[in-house]
Amino acid sequence: MCPTAKVKRRSPDGLVSGDACSNSGDDGGHWTEEAISGGSLKHVDLHTGSNGWASPPGDLFALRSKTFFTKKLKSPSGDWLLKPAGVDWLRSPAKLDNVLGRSDNRVMVALRRAQAAGKSLKSFVFAVNLQVPGRESHSAVFYFYTDDPIAPGSLLYRFVHGDDAFRNQRFKIVNRIVKGPWIVRAAVGNHAACLLGKALTCNYFKGENYLEIDVDIGSSTIANAISHLALKYVTAVAIDMGFVVEAQAEEELPERLFGAVRIAHMEMSAAEFVEMGSVVELAAGVKSGGGGGGGVCRGLGFSRVNHHDNANGCSRSGGGDDDGGEDG
């Protein structure tokens, strides 16, 4: 049985309408069943789960509405443009880049197995890799996918096929602290948005059927310090992170999440160790280049600064272009 539902409507900025199971067949299920159920961080219940991940509904996030540039109004995001395909919590001797290009990446292995059987031949995988430096490097990797073509000319299509300068100007994170002590709420911020490509160094890796964004938290001293503070309390924290290609023109509205994830009371010890030299990277993954790093966004979600600062693409809670939803 397919783990995701049909897309209920089409966005002017999203996917061609279709069924998440359109290429799955009846003799083994959809390839993402294996990807979602695997990994060191398990798929858990949205409301009661612990030490795992879940998929928060898009309507929990208020994004730029159709009238944002004239009335500054926000509206619920609605369905994600891409569907969840799992989460990995990894540790390694050094920073992990281009995880989708590794021959042992479990998500791509599952997709290649399906494609070898003639299924899911048009599937495309999108990954966000949050890289946390330390004595051991950690990576929180969030996977999303579509079995349907991304609509040519849409904002998401332009992001996938555009250059790094365009991506750095548009890649935005929106966070919601669902549960957590006051010190984490104060440090991380809540209901706020940040253009990660302008605040931190982001490297982009594009393969034939994937795009990966590697976000280097260590590229900002302040972001690095506050992320480590938040990780000290991580077992007491549940946080929603939504990922958006920011709309900067009226014809690109309304905004829609391309994906969202909830990390619920994660344990640092759950991270799976990855040897740096144990695999050979696939030639398909090509680094597009880096960017950003010019500003600082505070917190695990990189979504709050002390002062509103258009130069680094961040907005503080309660003012400016905060794109969070209400707690629920």
C-alpha atoms as a PDB file:
ATOM      1  CA  MET A   1       0.000   0.000   0.000  1.00  0.00           C
ATOM      2  CA  CYS A   2       1.307   3.438  -0.886  1.00  0.00           C
ATOM      3  CA  PRO A   3       2.337   5.501   2.198  1.00  0.00           C
ATOM      4  CA  THR A   4       1.141   8.787   0.736  1.00  0.00           C
ATOM      5  CA  ALA A   5      -2.132  10.070  -0.636  1.00  0.00           C
ATOM      6  CA  LYS A   6      -3.068  11.514  -3.990  1.00  0.00           C
ATOM      7  CA  VAL A   7      -2.339  15.164  -4.623  1.00  0.00           C
ATOM      8  CA  LYS A   8      -5.687  16.854  -4.011  1.00  0.00           C
ATOM      9  CA  ARG A   9      -5.103  19.975  -6.092  1.00  0.00           C
ATOM     10  CA  ARG A  10      -2.558  21.536  -8.367  1.00  0.00           C
ATOM     11  CA  SER A  11      -0.708  24.716  -7.502  1.00  0.00           C
ATOM     12  CA  PRO A  12       0.303  27.183 -10.217  1.00  0.00           C
ATOM     13  CA  ASP A  13       3.781  26.714  -8.734  1.00  0.00           C
ATOM     14  CA  GLY A  14       3.821  22.956  -8.321  1.00  0.00           C
ATOM     15  CA  LEU A  15       3.359  19.503  -9.668  1.00  0.00           C
ATOM     16  CA  VAL A  16       1.428  18.188 -12.589  1.00  0.00           C
ATOM     17  CA  SER A  17      -1.531  16.426 -10.975  1.00  0.00           C
ATOM     18  CA  GLY A  18      -1.092  12.732 -10.363  1.00  0.00           C
ATOM     19  CA  ASP A  19      -1.080   9.801  -7.969  1.00  0.00           C
ATOM     20  CA  ALA A  20       1.802   9.093  -5.598  1.00  0.00           C
ATOM     21  CA  CYS A  21       1.450   5.411  -6.488  1.00  0.00           C
ATOM     22  CA  SER A  22       1.173   5.859 -10.247  1.00  0.00           C
ATOM     23  CA  ASN A  23       4.349   3.892 -10.976  1.00  0.00           C
ATOM     24  CA  SER A  24       4.383   1.553  -8.024  1.00  0.00           C
ATOM     25  CA  GLY A  25       2.747  -1.571  -9.393  1.00  0.00           C
ATOM     26  CA  ASP A  26       0.975  -4.210  -7.337  1.00  0.00           C
ATOM     27  CA  ASP A  27       3.833  -6.577  -6.531  1.00  0.00           C
ATOM     28  CA  GLY A  28       5.976  -4.939  -3.902  1.00  0.00           C
ATOM     29  CA  GLY A  29       4.545  -1.540  -3.122  1.00  0.00           C
ATOM     30  CA  HIS A  30       5.972   1.868  -3.801  1.00  0.00           C
ATOM     31  CA  TRP A  31       9.744   2.312  -3.501  1.00  0.00           C
ATOM     32  CA  THR A  32       9.326   4.969  -0.798  1.00  0.00           C
ATOM     33  CA  GLU A  33       7.827   2.448   1.648  1.00  0.00           C
ATOM     34  CA  GLU A  34      11.345   1.088   2.123  1.00  0.00           C
ATOM     35  CA  ALA A  35      12.857   4.578   2.297  1.00  0.00           C
ATOM     36  CA  ILE A  36      10.333   5.859   4.846  1.00  0.00           C
ATOM     37  CA  SER A  37      10.558   2.833   7.142  1.00  0.00           C
ATOM     38  CA  GLY A  38      14.365   2.646   7.050  1.00  0.00           C
ATOM     39  CA  GLY A  39      16.992   4.902   8.554  1.00  0.00           C
ATOM     40  CA  SER A  40      18.237   5.446  12.095  1.00  0.00           C
ATOM     41  CA  LEU A  41      15.525   8.038  12.785  1.00  0.00           C
ATOM     42  CA  LYS A  42      12.173   6.278  12.598  1.00  0.00           C
ATOM     43  CA  HIS A  43       8.867   7.450  11.187  1.00  0.00           C
ATOM     44  CA  VAL A  44       6.609   8.124  14.206  1.00  0.00           C
ATOM     45  CA  ASP A  45       3.130   9.419  15.024  1.00  0.00           C
ATOM     46  CA  LEU A  46       2.781  13.165  14.441  1.00  0.00           C
ATOM     47  CA  HIS A  47       1.304  13.860  17.885  1.00  0.00           C
ATOM     48  CA  THR A  48       2.712  11.186  20.202  1.00  0.00           C
ATOM     49  CA  GLY A  49       5.939  10.058  18.531  1.00  0.00           C
ATOM     50  CA  SER A  50       9.392  10.313  20.126  1.00  0.00           C
ATOM     51  CA  ASN A  51      12.952   9.964  18.802  1.00  0.00           C
ATOM     52  CA  GLY A  52      11.726  10.109  15.240  1.00  0.00           C
ATOM     53  CA  TRP A  53      10.248  12.187  12.446  1.00  0.00           C
ATOM     54  CA  ALA A  54       6.791  12.887  11.089  1.00  0.00           C
ATOM     55  CA  SER A  55       5.203  15.034   8.386  1.00  0.00           C
ATOM     56  CA  PRO A  56       3.319  18.106   9.669  1.00  0.00           C
ATOM     57  CA  PRO A  57       0.395  19.269   7.501  1.00  0.00           C
ATOM     58  CA  GLY A  58       1.182  22.209   5.276  1.00  0.00           C
ATOM     59  CA  ASP A  59      -1.734  24.173   6.701  1.00  0.00           C
ATOM     60  CA  LEU A  60       0.214  24.616   9.958  1.00  0.00           C
ATOM     61  CA  PHE A  61       2.470  27.043   8.063  1.00  0.00           C
ATOM     62  CA  ALA A  62       1.231  30.488   7.008  1.00  0.00           C
ATOM     63  CA  LEU A  63       3.017  31.628   3.852  1.00  0.00           C
ATOM     64  CA  ARG A  64       2.721  34.532   1.425  1.00  0.00           C
ATOM     65  CA  SER A  65      -0.798  34.632   0.006  1.00  0.00           C
ATOM     66  CA  LYS A  66      -1.994  35.695  -3.434  1.00  0.00           C
ATOM     67  CA  THR A  67      -2.370  39.261  -2.120  1.00  0.00           C
ATOM     68  CA  PHE A  68       0.862  39.411  -0.103  1.00  0.00           C
ATOM     69  CA  PHE A  69       2.481  42.224  -2.089  1.00  0.00           C
ATOM     70  CA  THR A  70      -0.601  44.445  -1.890  1.00  0.00           C
ATOM     71  CA  LYS A  71      -2.103  43.539   1.509  1.00  0.00           C
ATOM     72  CA  LYS A  72       0.758  41.698   3.288  1.00  0.00           C
ATOM     73  CA  LEU A  73      -1.573  38.790   4.033  1.00  0.00           C
ATOM     74  CA  LYS A  74      -0.519  35.212   4.725  1.00  0.00           C
ATOM     75  CA  SER A  75      -2.504  32.040   4.120  1.00  0.00           C
ATOM     76  CA  PRO A  76      -2.103  28.337   5.007  1.00  0.00           C
ATOM     77  CA  SER A  77       0.297  26.593   2.640  1.00  0.00           C
ATOM     78  CA  GLY A  78      -1.926  23.613   1.892  1.00  0.00           C
ATOM     79  CA  ASP A  79      -0.544  20.359   0.470  1.00  0.00           C
ATOM     80  CA  TRP A  80       3.207  19.986   0.035  1.00  0.00           C
ATOM     81  CA  LEU A  81       4.490  20.149  -3.532  1.00  0.00           C
ATOM     82  CA  LEU A  82       6.686  17.089  -2.890  1.00  0.00           C
ATOM     83  CA  LYS A  83       6.011  14.049  -0.726  1.00  0.00           C
ATOM     84  CA  PRO A  84       8.146  12.762   2.183  1.00  0.00           C
ATOM     85  CA  ALA A  85      10.654   9.989   1.480  1.00  0.00           C
ATOM     86  CA  GLY A  86      12.372   9.607   4.845  1.00  0.00           C
ATOM     87  CA  VAL A  87      14.915  11.171   7.203  1.00  0.00           C
ATOM     88  CA  ASP A  88      18.491  10.205   8.077  1.00  0.00           C
ATOM     89  CA  TRP A  89      20.392  11.278  11.206  1.00  0.00           C
ATOM     90  CA  LEU A  90      24.058  10.575  10.463  1.00  0.00           C
ATOM     91  CA  ARG A  91      27.456  11.080  12.089  1.00  0.00           C
ATOM     92  CA  SER A  92      30.861  10.870  10.460  1.00  0.00           C
ATOM     93  CA  PRO A  93      34.525  11.835  10.980  1.00  0.00           C
ATOM     94  CA  ALA A  94      34.104  14.805   8.619  1.00  0.00           C
ATOM     95  CA  LYS A  95      31.326  16.733   6.907  1.00  0.00           C
ATOM     96  CA  LEU A  96      29.141  14.628   4.615  1.00  0.00           C
ATOM     97  CA  ASP A  97      28.521  16.221   1.217  1.00  0.00           C
ATOM     98  CA  ASN A  98      26.344  14.967  -1.641  1.00  0.00           C
ATOM     99  CA  VAL A  99      24.771  12.100   0.307  1.00  0.00           C
ATOM    100  CA  LEU A 100      22.415  11.339  -2.583  1.00  0.00           C
ATOM    101  CA  GLY A 101      25.448  10.756  -4.798  1.00  0.00           C
ATOM    102  CA  ARG A 102      26.826   8.021  -2.541  1.00  0.00           C
ATOM    103  CA  SER A 103      26.427   4.489  -3.833  1.00  0.00           C
ATOM    104  CA  ASP A 104      25.230   3.347  -0.379  1.00  0.00           C
ATOM    105  CA  ASN A 105      22.533   5.993   0.103  1.00  0.00           C
ATOM    106  CA  ARG A 106      19.502   3.937   1.100  1.00  0.00           C
ATOM    107  CA  VAL A 107      16.911   6.248  -0.507  1.00  0.00           C
ATOM    108  CA  MET A 108      18.613   6.217  -3.897  1.00  0.00           C
ATOM    109  CA  VAL A 109      19.272   2.475  -3.595  1.00  0.00           C
ATOM    110  CA  ALA A 110      15.514   1.920  -3.126  1.00  0.00           C
ATOM    111  CA  LEU A 111      14.735   4.123  -6.137  1.00  0.00           C
ATOM    112  CA  ARG A 112      17.333   2.417  -8.345  1.00  0.00           C
ATOM    113  CA  ARG A 113      15.919  -0.982  -7.384  1.00  0.00           C
ATOM    114  CA  ALA A 114      12.435   0.119  -8.446  1.00  0.00           C
ATOM    115  CA  GLN A 115      13.733   1.604 -11.684  1.00  0.00           C
ATOM    116  CA  ALA A 116      15.630  -1.598 -12.494  1.00  0.00           C
ATOM    117  CA  ALA A 117      12.215  -3.295 -12.379  1.00  0.00           C
ATOM    118  CA  GLY A 118      10.799  -0.712 -14.779  1.00  0.00           C
ATOM    119  CA  LYS A 119       8.949   1.326 -12.123  1.00  0.00           C
ATOM    120  CA  SER A 120       9.102   4.972 -11.010  1.00  0.00           C
ATOM    121  CA  LEU A 121      11.223   5.882 -14.025  1.00  0.00           C
ATOM    122  CA  LYS A 122      10.307   9.573 -13.736  1.00  0.00           C
ATOM    123  CA  SER A 123      10.798   9.887  -9.971  1.00  0.00           C
ATOM    124  CA  PHE A 124      12.824  12.856  -8.740  1.00  0.00           C
ATOM    125  CA  VAL A 125      14.359  13.140  -5.252  1.00  0.00           C
ATOM    126  CA  PHE A 126      15.011  16.371  -3.371  1.00  0.00           C
ATOM    127  CA  ALA A 127      17.162  16.378  -0.210  1.00  0.00           C
ATOM    128  CA  VAL A 128      18.026  19.034   2.379  1.00  0.00           C
ATOM    129  CA  ASN A 129      21.180  18.146   4.336  1.00  0.00           C
ATOM    130  CA  LEU A 130      21.704  20.220   7.514  1.00  0.00           C
ATOM    131  CA  GLN A 131      25.389  19.796   8.409  1.00  0.00           C
ATOM    132  CA  VAL A 132      26.278  20.283  12.099  1.00  0.00           C
ATOM    133  CA  PRO A 133      30.031  20.478  12.873  1.00  0.00           C
ATOM    134  CA  GLY A 134      31.650  19.087  16.023  1.00  0.00           C
ATOM    135  CA  ARG A 135      34.170  16.489  17.190  1.00  0.00           C
ATOM    136  CA  GLU A 136      32.065  14.266  14.984  1.00  0.00           C
ATOM    137  CA  SER A 137      30.130  15.855  12.150  1.00  0.00           C
ATOM    138  CA  HIS A 138      26.382  15.244  12.109  1.00  0.00           C
ATOM    139  CA  SER A 139      23.927  15.516   9.239  1.00  0.00           C
ATOM    140  CA  ALA A 140      20.144  15.679   9.403  1.00  0.00           C
ATOM    141  CA  VAL A 141      19.019  14.740   5.895  1.00  0.00           C
ATOM    142  CA  PHE A 142      15.390  15.262   4.863  1.00  0.00           C
ATOM    143  CA  TYR A 143      14.237  13.492   1.692  1.00  0.00           C
ATOM    144  CA  PHE A 144      11.291  14.457  -0.529  1.00  0.00           C
ATOM    145  CA  TYR A 145      10.206  13.115  -3.908  1.00  0.00           C
ATOM    146  CA  THR A 146       7.740  13.228  -6.760  1.00  0.00           C
ATOM    147  CA  ASP A 147       6.750  10.575  -9.282  1.00  0.00           C
ATOM    148  CA  ASP A 148       5.183  13.259 -11.476  1.00  0.00           C
ATOM    149  CA  PRO A 149       6.956  15.797 -13.682  1.00  0.00           C
ATOM    150  CA  ILE A 150       7.529  19.184 -12.064  1.00  0.00           C
ATOM    151  CA  ALA A 151       5.530  21.677 -14.101  1.00  0.00           C
ATOM    152  CA  PRO A 152       7.849  23.435 -16.602  1.00  0.00           C
ATOM    153  CA  GLY A 153       8.102  27.148 -15.905  1.00  0.00           C
ATOM    154  CA  SER A 154       6.891  26.809 -12.304  1.00  0.00           C
ATOM    155  CA  LEU A 155       8.905  28.362  -9.487  1.00  0.00           C
ATOM    156  CA  LEU A 156       9.963  24.927  -8.246  1.00  0.00           C
ATOM    157  CA  TYR A 157      11.078  23.943 -11.764  1.00  0.00           C
ATOM    158  CA  ARG A 158      13.128  27.136 -12.055  1.00  0.00           C
ATOM    159  CA  PHE A 159      14.729  26.412  -8.685  1.00  0.00           C
ATOM    160  CA  VAL A 160      15.677  22.839  -9.611  1.00  0.00           C
ATOM    161  CA  HIS A 161      17.089  23.806 -13.012  1.00  0.00           C
ATOM    162  CA  GLY A 162      18.378  27.287 -12.168  1.00  0.00           C
ATOM    163  CA  ASP A 163      21.815  28.469 -11.099  1.00  0.00           C
ATOM    164  CA  ASP A 164      23.129  28.869  -7.566  1.00  0.00           C
ATOM    165  CA  ALA A 165      22.644  32.637  -7.518  1.00  0.00           C
ATOM    166  CA  PHE A 166      18.910  32.131  -8.092  1.00  0.00           C
ATOM    167  CA  ARG A 167      18.725  29.319  -5.521  1.00  0.00           C
ATOM    168  CA  ASN A 168      20.524  31.348  -2.851  1.00  0.00           C
ATOM    169  CA  GLN A 169      18.026  34.179  -3.298  1.00  0.00           C
ATOM    170  CA  ARG A 170      15.019  31.861  -2.967  1.00  0.00           C
ATOM    171  CA  PHE A 171      15.728  28.914  -0.618  1.00  0.00           C
ATOM    172  CA  LYS A 172      13.774  29.610   2.567  1.00  0.00           C
ATOM    173  CA  ILE A 173      13.165  27.726   5.808  1.00  0.00           C
ATOM    174  CA  VAL A 174      10.180  28.312   8.103  1.00  0.00           C
ATOM    175  CA  ASN A 175      10.190  26.853  11.615  1.00  0.00           C
ATOM    176  CA  ARG A 176       7.666  26.168  14.373  1.00  0.00           C
ATOM    177  CA  ILE A 177       8.638  25.142  17.897  1.00  0.00           C
ATOM    178  CA  VAL A 178       5.905  22.644  18.785  1.00  0.00           C
ATOM    179  CA  LYS A 179       7.336  21.730  22.202  1.00  0.00           C
ATOM    180  CA  GLY A 180      10.460  22.856  24.001  1.00  0.00           C
ATOM    181  CA  PRO A 181      11.899  24.680  27.039  1.00  0.00           C
ATOM    182  CA  TRP A 182      11.927  28.463  27.083  1.00  0.00           C
ATOM    183  CA  ILE A 183      15.689  28.667  26.521  1.00  0.00           C
ATOM    184  CA  VAL A 184      15.304  26.868  23.193  1.00  0.00           C
ATOM    185  CA  ARG A 185      12.326  29.001  22.183  1.00  0.00           C
ATOM    186  CA  ALA A 186      14.312  32.139  23.033  1.00  0.00           C
ATOM    187  CA  ALA A 187      17.439  31.024  21.162  1.00  0.00           C
ATOM    188  CA  VAL A 188      15.851  29.416  18.121  1.00  0.00           C
ATOM    189  CA  GLY A 189      12.861  31.697  17.674  1.00  0.00           C
ATOM    190  CA  ASN A 190       9.449  30.655  16.420  1.00  0.00           C
ATOM    191  CA  HIS A 191       7.078  31.389  13.544  1.00  0.00           C
ATOM    192  CA  ALA A 192       9.858  32.979  11.502  1.00  0.00           C
ATOM    193  CA  ALA A 193      11.481  32.640   8.104  1.00  0.00           C
ATOM    194  CA  CYS A 194      15.027  32.787   6.767  1.00  0.00           C
ATOM    195  CA  LEU A 195      16.602  32.714   3.326  1.00  0.00           C
ATOM    196  CA  LEU A 196      19.245  30.096   4.071  1.00  0.00           C
ATOM    197  CA  GLY A 197      21.199  30.725   0.884  1.00  0.00           C
ATOM    198  CA  LYS A 198      21.857  34.306   1.996  1.00  0.00           C
ATOM    199  CA  ALA A 199      22.521  33.527   5.662  1.00  0.00           C
ATOM    200  CA  LEU A 200      24.682  30.389   5.467  1.00  0.00           C
ATOM    201  CA  THR A 201      26.843  28.653   2.896  1.00  0.00           C
ATOM    202  CA  CYS A 202      24.717  26.316   0.791  1.00  0.00           C
ATOM    203  CA  ASN A 203      26.196  23.873  -1.706  1.00  0.00           C
ATOM    204  CA  TYR A 204      23.994  22.347  -4.394  1.00  0.00           C
ATOM    205  CA  PHE A 205      24.478  18.923  -5.973  1.00  0.00           C
ATOM    206  CA  LYS A 206      22.393  17.985  -8.988  1.00  0.00           C
ATOM    207  CA  GLY A 207      22.157  14.529 -10.487  1.00  0.00           C
ATOM    208  CA  GLU A 208      20.033  13.176 -13.296  1.00  0.00           C
ATOM    209  CA  ASN A 209      17.135  12.482 -10.927  1.00  0.00           C
ATOM    210  CA  TYR A 210      17.925  14.461  -7.786  1.00  0.00           C
ATOM    211  CA  LEU A 211      18.837  17.813  -6.273  1.00  0.00           C
ATOM    212  CA  GLU A 212      20.531  18.085  -2.875  1.00  0.00           C
ATOM    213  CA  ILE A 213      21.075  21.230  -0.808  1.00  0.00           C
ATOM    214  CA  ASP A 214      23.875  20.965   1.766  1.00  0.00           C
ATOM    215  CA  VAL A 215      23.508  23.677   4.426  1.00  0.00           C
ATOM    216  CA  ASP A 216      26.790  24.297   6.272  1.00  0.00           C
ATOM    217  CA  ILE A 217      25.816  25.439   9.776  1.00  0.00           C
ATOM    218  CA  GLY A 218      29.505  25.830  10.602  1.00  0.00           C
ATOM    219  CA  SER A 219      29.747  28.685   8.088  1.00  0.00           C
ATOM    220  CA  SER A 220      28.202  30.959  10.748  1.00  0.00           C
ATOM    221  CA  THR A 221      29.773  31.170  14.208  1.00  0.00           C
ATOM    222  CA  ILE A 222      26.530  32.316  15.823  1.00  0.00           C
ATOM    223  CA  ALA A 223      24.307  29.780  14.052  1.00  0.00           C
ATOM    224  CA  ASN A 224      26.776  27.044  14.991  1.00  0.00           C
ATOM    225  CA  ALA A 225      26.807  28.061  18.670  1.00  0.00           C
ATOM    226  CA  ILE A 226      23.029  28.284  18.960  1.00  0.00           C
ATOM    227  CA  SER A 227      22.427  25.021  17.106  1.00  0.00           C
ATOM    228  CA  HIS A 228      24.697  23.263  19.609  1.00  0.00           C
ATOM    229  CA  LEU A 229      22.781  24.911  22.469  1.00  0.00           C
ATOM    230  CA  ALA A 230      19.508  23.631  21.028  1.00  0.00           C
ATOM    231  CA  LEU A 231      20.953  20.140  20.553  1.00  0.00           C
ATOM    232  CA  LYS A 232      21.705  19.957  24.298  1.00  0.00           C
ATOM    233  CA  TYR A 233      17.936  20.034  24.868  1.00  0.00           C
ATOM    234  CA  VAL A 234      16.990  18.075  21.765  1.00  0.00           C
ATOM    235  CA  THR A 235      15.227  15.239  23.621  1.00  0.00           C
ATOM    236  CA  ALA A 236      12.781  17.814  25.037  1.00  0.00           C
ATOM    237  CA  VAL A 237      12.139  19.534  21.707  1.00  0.00           C
ATOM    238  CA  ALA A 238       9.694  18.947  18.870  1.00  0.00           C
ATOM    239  CA  ILE A 239      10.268  21.285  15.925  1.00  0.00           C
ATOM    240  CA  ASP A 240       8.581  21.656  12.553  1.00  0.00           C
ATOM    241  CA  MET A 241      10.674  22.785   9.602  1.00  0.00           C
ATOM    242  CA  GLY A 242       9.105  23.794   6.314  1.00  0.00           C
ATOM    243  CA  PHE A 243      11.066  24.410   3.115  1.00  0.00           C
ATOM    244  CA  VAL A 244       9.950  26.951   0.534  1.00  0.00           C
ATOM    245  CA  VAL A 245      11.089  28.499  -2.720  1.00  0.00           C
ATOM    246  CA  GLU A 246      10.341  32.125  -1.896  1.00  0.00           C
ATOM    247  CA  ALA A 247       7.942  34.018  -4.140  1.00  0.00           C
ATOM    248  CA  GLN A 248       9.342  37.447  -5.018  1.00  0.00           C
ATOM    249  CA  ALA A 249       6.896  38.493  -7.737  1.00  0.00           C
ATOM    250  CA  GLU A 250       3.102  38.612  -7.800  1.00  0.00           C
ATOM    251  CA  GLU A 251       2.818  35.979 -10.518  1.00  0.00           C
ATOM    252  CA  GLU A 252       4.730  33.529  -8.272  1.00  0.00           C
ATOM    253  CA  LEU A 253       2.145  33.734  -5.488  1.00  0.00           C
ATOM    254  CA  PRO A 254       0.793  32.039  -3.458  1.00  0.00           C
ATOM    255  CA  GLU A 255       3.767  30.359  -1.801  1.00  0.00           C
ATOM    256  CA  ARG A 256       3.679  26.619  -1.175  1.00  0.00           C
ATOM    257  CA  LEU A 257       5.926  24.377   0.890  1.00  0.00           C
ATOM    258  CA  PHE A 258       7.841  21.902  -1.231  1.00  0.00           C
ATOM    259  CA  GLY A 259       8.250  19.801   1.908  1.00  0.00           C
ATOM    260  CA  ALA A 260       8.016  19.813   5.697  1.00  0.00           C
ATOM    261  CA  VAL A 261       9.271  17.639   8.539  1.00  0.00           C
ATOM    262  CA  ARG A 262       8.742  17.387  12.296  1.00  0.00           C
ATOM    263  CA  ILE A 263      11.674  16.194  14.421  1.00  0.00           C
ATOM    264  CA  ALA A 264      10.256  14.880  17.698  1.00  0.00           C
ATOM    265  CA  HIS A 265      12.392  14.476  20.839  1.00  0.00           C
ATOM    266  CA  MET A 266      15.387  13.154  18.938  1.00  0.00           C
ATOM    267  CA  GLU A 267      18.265  11.424  20.720  1.00  0.00           C
ATOM    268  CA  MET A 268      21.797  12.278  19.625  1.00  0.00           C
ATOM    269  CA  SER A 269      22.790   8.628  20.084  1.00  0.00           C
ATOM    270  CA  ALA A 270      20.351   7.617  17.334  1.00  0.00           C
ATOM    271  CA  ALA A 271      22.773   8.895  14.681  1.00  0.00           C
ATOM    272  CA  GLU A 272      24.107   6.212  12.348  1.00  0.00           C
ATOM    273  CA  PHE A 273      27.883   6.250  11.826  1.00  0.00           C
ATOM    274  CA  VAL A 274      29.060   6.615   8.222  1.00  0.00           C
ATOM    275  CA  GLU A 275      32.633   5.875   7.157  1.00  0.00           C
ATOM    276  CA  MET A 276      34.018   8.538   4.858  1.00  0.00           C
ATOM    277  CA  GLY A 277      36.043   6.197   2.650  1.00  0.00           C
ATOM    278  CA  SER A 278      33.723   3.205   2.589  1.00  0.00           C
ATOM    279  CA  VAL A 279      31.859   4.070  -0.607  1.00  0.00           C
ATOM    280  CA  VAL A 280      32.467   5.520  -4.038  1.00  0.00           C
ATOM    281  CA  GLU A 281      30.343   8.505  -5.038  1.00  0.00           C
ATOM    282  CA  LEU A 282      28.344   8.281  -8.233  1.00  0.00           C
ATOM    283  CA  ALA A 283      29.550  10.402 -11.123  1.00  0.00           C
ATOM    284  CA  ALA A 284      26.034  11.753 -11.698  1.00  0.00           C
ATOM    285  CA  GLY A 285      26.167  14.144  -8.753  1.00  0.00           C
ATOM    286  CA  VAL A 286      27.723  17.431  -9.858  1.00  0.00           C
ATOM    287  CA  LYS A 287      28.403  20.242  -7.409  1.00  0.00           C
ATOM    288  CA  SER A 288      26.805  23.403  -8.684  1.00  0.00           C
ATOM    289  CA  GLY A 289      28.825  25.599  -6.358  1.00  0.00           C
ATOM    290  CA  GLY A 290      28.387  27.392  -3.058  1.00  0.00           C
ATOM    291  CA  GLY A 291      26.987  30.648  -1.937  1.00  0.00           C
ATOM    292  CA  GLY A 292      25.623  32.629   0.916  1.00  0.00           C
ATOM    293  CA  GLY A 293      27.393  32.909   4.216  1.00  0.00           C
ATOM    294  CA  GLY A 294      27.037  36.672   4.239  1.00  0.00           C
ATOM    295  CA  GLY A 295      24.678  36.873   7.200  1.00  0.00           C
ATOM    296  CA  VAL A 296      23.519  34.993  10.270  1.00  0.00           C
ATOM    297  CA  CYS A 297      20.186  33.440  11.186  1.00  0.00           C
ATOM    298  CA  ARG A 298      19.855  32.282  14.752  1.00  0.00           C
ATOM    299  CA  GLY A 299      18.853  28.860  15.933  1.00  0.00           C
ATOM    300  CA  LEU A 300      18.314  25.249  14.998  1.00  0.00           C
ATOM    301  CA  GLY A 301      15.813  26.417  12.387  1.00  0.00           C
ATOM    302  CA  PHE A 302      18.074  29.395  11.497  1.00  0.00           C
ATOM    303  CA  SER A 303      14.953  31.492  11.618  1.00  0.00           C
ATOM    304  CA  ARG A 304      15.481  34.305  14.071  1.00  0.00           C
ATOM    305  CA  VAL A 305      17.850  37.231  14.511  1.00  0.00           C
ATOM    306  CA  ASN A 306      17.904  39.985  17.112  1.00  0.00           C
ATOM    307  CA  HIS A 307      17.106  42.624  14.509  1.00  0.00           C
ATOM    308  CA  HIS A 308      15.242  42.493  11.225  1.00  0.00           C
ATOM    309  CA  ASP A 309      17.955  42.400   8.567  1.00  0.00           C
ATOM    310  CA  ASN A 310      17.027  42.292   4.913  1.00  0.00           C
ATOM    311  CA  ALA A 311      20.692  41.926   3.994  1.00  0.00           C
ATOM    312  CA  ASN A 312      20.951  38.401   5.343  1.00  0.00           C
ATOM    313  CA  GLY A 313      17.461  37.280   4.456  1.00  0.00           C
ATOM    314  CA  CYS A 314      16.213  36.638   8.004  1.00  0.00           C
ATOM    315  CA  SER A 315      13.122  37.941   9.720  1.00  0.00           C
ATOM    316  CA  ARG A 316      12.386  37.915  13.413  1.00  0.00           C
ATOM    317  CA  SER A 317       9.300  36.530  15.090  1.00  0.00           C
ATOM    318  CA  GLY A 318       6.417  38.941  15.260  1.00  0.00           C
ATOM    319  CA  GLY A 319       7.406  41.277  12.436  1.00  0.00           C
ATOM    320  CA  GLY A 320       8.568  41.640   8.868  1.00  0.00           C
ATOM    321  CA  ASP A 321       8.089  38.554   6.731  1.00  0.00           C
ATOM    322  CA  ASP A 322       7.578  35.923   9.432  1.00  0.00           C
ATOM    323  CA  ASP A 323       6.083  32.899   7.731  1.00  0.00           C
ATOM    324  CA  GLY A 324       5.170  30.613  10.597  1.00  0.00           C
ATOM    325  CA  GLY A 325       1.774  29.257  11.526  1.00  0.00           C
ATOM    326  CA  GLU A 326       0.006  29.017  14.849  1.00  0.00           C
ATOM    327  CA  ASP A 327       0.889  26.343  17.355  1.00  0.00           C
ATOM    328  CA  GLY A 328      -1.460  23.439  17.108  1.00  0.00           C
END
